[in-house]
N, C-alpha and C. Protein backbone atom coordinates (compact mmCIF):
# COMPACT_ATOMS: atom_id res chain seq x y z
N UNK A 1 -23.90 -12.84 -10.82
CA UNK A 1 -23.30 -11.67 -10.21
C UNK A 1 -23.26 -11.89 -8.70
N UNK A 2 -22.18 -11.44 -8.06
CA UNK A 2 -22.03 -11.63 -6.63
C UNK A 2 -22.87 -10.67 -5.81
N UNK A 3 -22.95 -10.97 -4.53
CA UNK A 3 -23.70 -10.11 -3.63
C UNK A 3 -22.79 -9.00 -3.13
N UNK A 4 -23.35 -7.84 -2.94
CA UNK A 4 -22.59 -6.70 -2.48
C UNK A 4 -23.14 -6.21 -1.15
N UNK A 5 -22.25 -5.77 -0.31
CA UNK A 5 -22.64 -5.17 0.97
C UNK A 5 -22.93 -3.69 0.74
N UNK A 6 -24.07 -3.22 1.20
CA UNK A 6 -24.43 -1.81 1.03
C UNK A 6 -23.65 -0.98 2.04
N UNK A 7 -22.98 0.05 1.55
CA UNK A 7 -22.18 0.92 2.40
C UNK A 7 -22.71 2.34 2.27
N UNK A 8 -22.98 2.98 3.40
CA UNK A 8 -23.53 4.33 3.38
C UNK A 8 -22.57 5.36 3.94
N UNK A 9 -21.30 5.05 4.05
CA UNK A 9 -20.34 5.97 4.64
C UNK A 9 -19.53 6.67 3.57
N UNK A 10 -19.30 7.95 3.79
CA UNK A 10 -18.43 8.74 2.93
C UNK A 10 -17.69 9.71 3.81
N UNK A 11 -16.38 9.74 3.69
CA UNK A 11 -15.56 10.62 4.52
C UNK A 11 -15.02 11.76 3.67
N UNK A 12 -15.15 12.96 4.17
CA UNK A 12 -14.63 14.14 3.48
C UNK A 12 -13.47 14.68 4.32
N UNK A 13 -12.31 14.84 3.69
CA UNK A 13 -11.13 15.28 4.42
C UNK A 13 -11.01 16.80 4.52
N UNK A 14 -11.55 17.51 3.55
CA UNK A 14 -11.49 18.96 3.63
C UNK A 14 -12.64 19.57 2.83
N UNK A 15 -13.03 20.74 3.26
CA UNK A 15 -14.09 21.48 2.58
C UNK A 15 -13.59 22.89 2.38
N UNK A 16 -13.73 23.39 1.18
CA UNK A 16 -13.32 24.75 0.88
C UNK A 16 -14.53 25.55 0.43
N UNK A 17 -14.51 26.81 0.68
CA UNK A 17 -15.59 27.69 0.24
C UNK A 17 -15.33 28.10 -1.20
N UNK A 18 -16.33 27.96 -2.04
CA UNK A 18 -16.23 28.37 -3.43
C UNK A 18 -17.27 29.45 -3.65
N UNK A 19 -16.82 30.63 -4.05
CA UNK A 19 -17.70 31.79 -4.19
C UNK A 19 -18.61 31.69 -5.42
N UNK A 20 -18.12 31.08 -6.48
CA UNK A 20 -18.86 31.00 -7.74
C UNK A 20 -19.68 29.71 -7.79
N UNK A 21 -21.01 29.79 -7.85
CA UNK A 21 -21.84 28.58 -7.87
C UNK A 21 -21.55 27.67 -9.07
N UNK A 22 -21.25 28.25 -10.22
CA UNK A 22 -20.93 27.43 -11.39
C UNK A 22 -19.63 26.66 -11.19
N UNK A 23 -18.64 27.33 -10.61
CA UNK A 23 -17.36 26.67 -10.33
C UNK A 23 -17.56 25.55 -9.31
N UNK A 24 -18.36 25.81 -8.29
CA UNK A 24 -18.63 24.78 -7.28
C UNK A 24 -19.31 23.57 -7.91
N UNK A 25 -20.25 23.82 -8.80
CA UNK A 25 -20.96 22.73 -9.48
C UNK A 25 -19.99 21.92 -10.34
N UNK A 26 -19.09 22.60 -11.04
CA UNK A 26 -18.11 21.89 -11.88
C UNK A 26 -17.17 21.05 -11.04
N UNK A 27 -16.69 21.60 -9.92
CA UNK A 27 -15.80 20.85 -9.03
C UNK A 27 -16.53 19.65 -8.44
N UNK A 28 -17.78 19.85 -8.06
CA UNK A 28 -18.58 18.75 -7.52
C UNK A 28 -18.71 17.63 -8.55
N UNK A 29 -18.99 17.98 -9.79
CA UNK A 29 -19.11 16.98 -10.86
C UNK A 29 -17.79 16.23 -11.07
N UNK A 30 -16.68 16.96 -11.02
CA UNK A 30 -15.37 16.34 -11.19
C UNK A 30 -15.09 15.36 -10.05
N UNK A 31 -15.38 15.78 -8.83
CA UNK A 31 -15.15 14.91 -7.67
C UNK A 31 -16.02 13.67 -7.75
N UNK A 32 -17.28 13.83 -8.15
CA UNK A 32 -18.15 12.66 -8.29
C UNK A 32 -17.64 11.70 -9.35
N UNK A 33 -17.13 12.22 -10.43
CA UNK A 33 -16.59 11.37 -11.49
C UNK A 33 -15.37 10.58 -11.00
N UNK A 34 -14.51 11.24 -10.24
CA UNK A 34 -13.33 10.57 -9.68
C UNK A 34 -13.76 9.47 -8.72
N UNK A 35 -14.71 9.77 -7.84
CA UNK A 35 -15.21 8.76 -6.90
C UNK A 35 -15.83 7.58 -7.63
N UNK A 36 -16.62 7.87 -8.67
CA UNK A 36 -17.25 6.81 -9.45
C UNK A 36 -16.20 5.89 -10.07
N UNK A 37 -15.15 6.49 -10.65
CA UNK A 37 -14.09 5.69 -11.25
C UNK A 37 -13.38 4.82 -10.22
N UNK A 38 -13.13 5.39 -9.03
CA UNK A 38 -12.46 4.62 -7.98
C UNK A 38 -13.34 3.47 -7.49
N UNK A 39 -14.64 3.73 -7.31
CA UNK A 39 -15.55 2.66 -6.89
C UNK A 39 -15.62 1.56 -7.93
N UNK A 40 -15.68 1.93 -9.21
CA UNK A 40 -15.73 0.94 -10.27
C UNK A 40 -14.45 0.13 -10.33
N UNK A 41 -13.32 0.79 -10.12
CA UNK A 41 -12.03 0.10 -10.13
C UNK A 41 -11.97 -0.91 -8.99
N UNK A 42 -12.38 -0.50 -7.80
CA UNK A 42 -12.38 -1.41 -6.65
C UNK A 42 -13.35 -2.57 -6.86
N UNK A 43 -14.52 -2.28 -7.43
CA UNK A 43 -15.50 -3.34 -7.66
C UNK A 43 -14.98 -4.34 -8.67
N UNK A 44 -14.29 -3.87 -9.71
CA UNK A 44 -13.78 -4.82 -10.71
C UNK A 44 -12.66 -5.67 -10.13
N UNK A 45 -11.87 -5.12 -9.20
CA UNK A 45 -10.82 -5.91 -8.54
C UNK A 45 -11.45 -7.03 -7.72
N UNK A 46 -12.56 -6.74 -7.04
CA UNK A 46 -13.22 -7.73 -6.20
C UNK A 46 -13.92 -8.79 -7.04
N UNK A 47 -14.31 -8.45 -8.27
CA UNK A 47 -14.99 -9.41 -9.14
C UNK A 47 -13.99 -10.39 -9.75
N UNK A 48 -12.72 -10.00 -9.87
CA UNK A 48 -11.71 -10.88 -10.50
C UNK A 48 -11.28 -11.99 -9.60
């Protein structure tokens, strides 16, 4: 397995107020899943 550079930066382009804590938690989970998929996609491109 190759070596990876540790990156600690994350940029947020917008933040919205969500009144419902459950809705905020669901949106947060969705956003994390999208980010995870994008990171995995980029990592697999670099491995090829």
